[in-house]
Amino acid sequence: MKVTARVMNGEDHEVELPDCATYARLLDEIDENPEAAVVVVDGRPVPEDATVDADEVKVMRTVSGGR
């Protein structure tokens, strides 16, 4: 399955994944830390352990810190 991952404020990636791949695998393929990124499909965040079922996703990097 070919998936386009559009990283917000970053690059677009074309990734070839097996049919049973998870969103965690997708993040790994594009070198994004799953603890610092969220995959969004149709405007909604998806769990990392869900099977990829979209041909285009957005990847939003999360920011944390402060006091």
C-alpha atoms as a PDB file:
ATOM      1  CA  MET A   1       0.000   0.000   0.000  1.00  0.00           C
ATOM      2  CA  LYS A   2       1.367   3.408  -0.954  1.00  0.00           C
ATOM      3  CA  VAL A   3       0.787   6.179   1.593  1.00  0.00           C
ATOM      4  CA  THR A   4       1.553   9.875   1.402  1.00  0.00           C
ATOM      5  CA  ALA A   5       2.486  11.335   4.792  1.00  0.00           C
ATOM      6  CA  ARG A   6       2.344  15.122   4.870  1.00  0.00           C
ATOM      7  CA  VAL A   7       4.364  16.346   7.833  1.00  0.00           C
ATOM      8  CA  MET A   8       3.117  19.726   9.029  1.00  0.00           C
ATOM      9  CA  ASN A   9       5.954  22.266   8.729  1.00  0.00           C
ATOM     10  CA  GLY A  10       8.062  19.551   7.154  1.00  0.00           C
ATOM     11  CA  GLU A  11       8.320  17.345   4.104  1.00  0.00           C
ATOM     12  CA  ASP A  12       5.913  15.057   2.279  1.00  0.00           C
ATOM     13  CA  HIS A  13       6.876  11.378   2.217  1.00  0.00           C
ATOM     14  CA  GLU A  14       5.735   8.624  -0.139  1.00  0.00           C
ATOM     15  CA  VAL A  15       5.935   5.336   1.751  1.00  0.00           C
ATOM     16  CA  GLU A  16       5.245   1.772   0.609  1.00  0.00           C
ATOM     17  CA  LEU A  17       3.811  -0.270   3.498  1.00  0.00           C
ATOM     18  CA  PRO A  18       2.521  -3.834   3.815  1.00  0.00           C
ATOM     19  CA  ASP A  19      -1.274  -4.141   4.097  1.00  0.00           C
ATOM     20  CA  CYS A  20      -1.159  -4.921   7.834  1.00  0.00           C
ATOM     21  CA  ALA A  21       1.115  -1.999   8.793  1.00  0.00           C
ATOM     22  CA  THR A  22       0.231   0.243  11.724  1.00  0.00           C
ATOM     23  CA  TYR A  23       0.494   3.997  12.027  1.00  0.00           C
ATOM     24  CA  ALA A  24       3.449   3.441  14.386  1.00  0.00           C
ATOM     25  CA  ARG A  25       5.223   1.656  11.524  1.00  0.00           C
ATOM     26  CA  LEU A  26       4.419   4.583   9.230  1.00  0.00           C
ATOM     27  CA  LEU A  27       5.971   7.028  11.714  1.00  0.00           C
ATOM     28  CA  ASP A  28       9.025   4.803  11.958  1.00  0.00           C
ATOM     29  CA  GLU A  29       9.381   4.712   8.166  1.00  0.00           C
ATOM     30  CA  ILE A  30       9.457   8.515   7.979  1.00  0.00           C
ATOM     31  CA  ASP A  31      11.785   8.864  11.007  1.00  0.00           C
ATOM     32  CA  GLU A  32       9.231  10.557  13.256  1.00  0.00           C
ATOM     33  CA  ASN A  33       9.181   9.778  16.974  1.00  0.00           C
ATOM     34  CA  PRO A  34       5.727   8.407  17.913  1.00  0.00           C
ATOM     35  CA  GLU A  35       6.050  10.152  21.287  1.00  0.00           C
ATOM     36  CA  ALA A  36       6.419  13.507  19.523  1.00  0.00           C
ATOM     37  CA  ALA A  37       4.009  13.152  16.585  1.00  0.00           C
ATOM     38  CA  VAL A  38       0.319  12.463  15.961  1.00  0.00           C
ATOM     39  CA  VAL A  39      -1.110  10.966  12.773  1.00  0.00           C
ATOM     40  CA  VAL A  40      -4.324  12.609  11.593  1.00  0.00           C
ATOM     41  CA  VAL A  41      -6.754  11.075   9.088  1.00  0.00           C
ATOM     42  CA  ASP A  42      -9.780  13.049   7.890  1.00  0.00           C
ATOM     43  CA  GLY A  43      -9.210  15.620  10.619  1.00  0.00           C
ATOM     44  CA  ARG A  44      -9.077  13.093  13.467  1.00  0.00           C
ATOM     45  CA  PRO A  45      -6.090  11.652  15.337  1.00  0.00           C
ATOM     46  CA  VAL A  46      -5.646   7.903  14.970  1.00  0.00           C
ATOM     47  CA  PRO A  47      -4.119   5.443  17.461  1.00  0.00           C
ATOM     48  CA  GLU A  48      -0.576   4.304  16.738  1.00  0.00           C
ATOM     49  CA  ASP A  49      -1.605   0.650  16.890  1.00  0.00           C
ATOM     50  CA  ALA A  50      -4.423   1.008  14.337  1.00  0.00           C
ATOM     51  CA  THR A  51      -3.905  -0.487  10.883  1.00  0.00           C
ATOM     52  CA  VAL A  52      -3.200   2.066   8.151  1.00  0.00           C
ATOM     53  CA  ASP A  53      -6.330   2.418   6.025  1.00  0.00           C
ATOM     54  CA  ALA A  54      -5.769   5.768   4.311  1.00  0.00           C
ATOM     55  CA  ASP A  55      -3.666   6.647   1.304  1.00  0.00           C
ATOM     56  CA  GLU A  56      -2.924  10.151   2.634  1.00  0.00           C
ATOM     57  CA  VAL A  57      -2.316  11.252   6.216  1.00  0.00           C
ATOM     58  CA  LYS A  58      -1.114  14.346   8.033  1.00  0.00           C
ATOM     59  CA  VAL A  59       1.568  14.099  10.679  1.00  0.00           C
ATOM     60  CA  MET A  60       1.541  16.772  13.344  1.00  0.00           C
ATOM     61  CA  ARG A  61       4.559  17.197  15.571  1.00  0.00           C
ATOM     62  CA  THR A  62       3.635  17.826  19.189  1.00  0.00           C
ATOM     63  CA  VAL A  63       5.384  20.344  21.375  1.00  0.00           C
ATOM     64  CA  SER A  64       5.751  20.131  25.115  1.00  0.00           C
ATOM     65  CA  GLY A  65       7.739  21.839  27.759  1.00  0.00           C
ATOM     66  CA  GLY A  66       7.527  24.759  30.052  1.00  0.00           C
ATOM     67  CA  ARG A  67       7.268  24.810  33.800  1.00  0.00           C
END
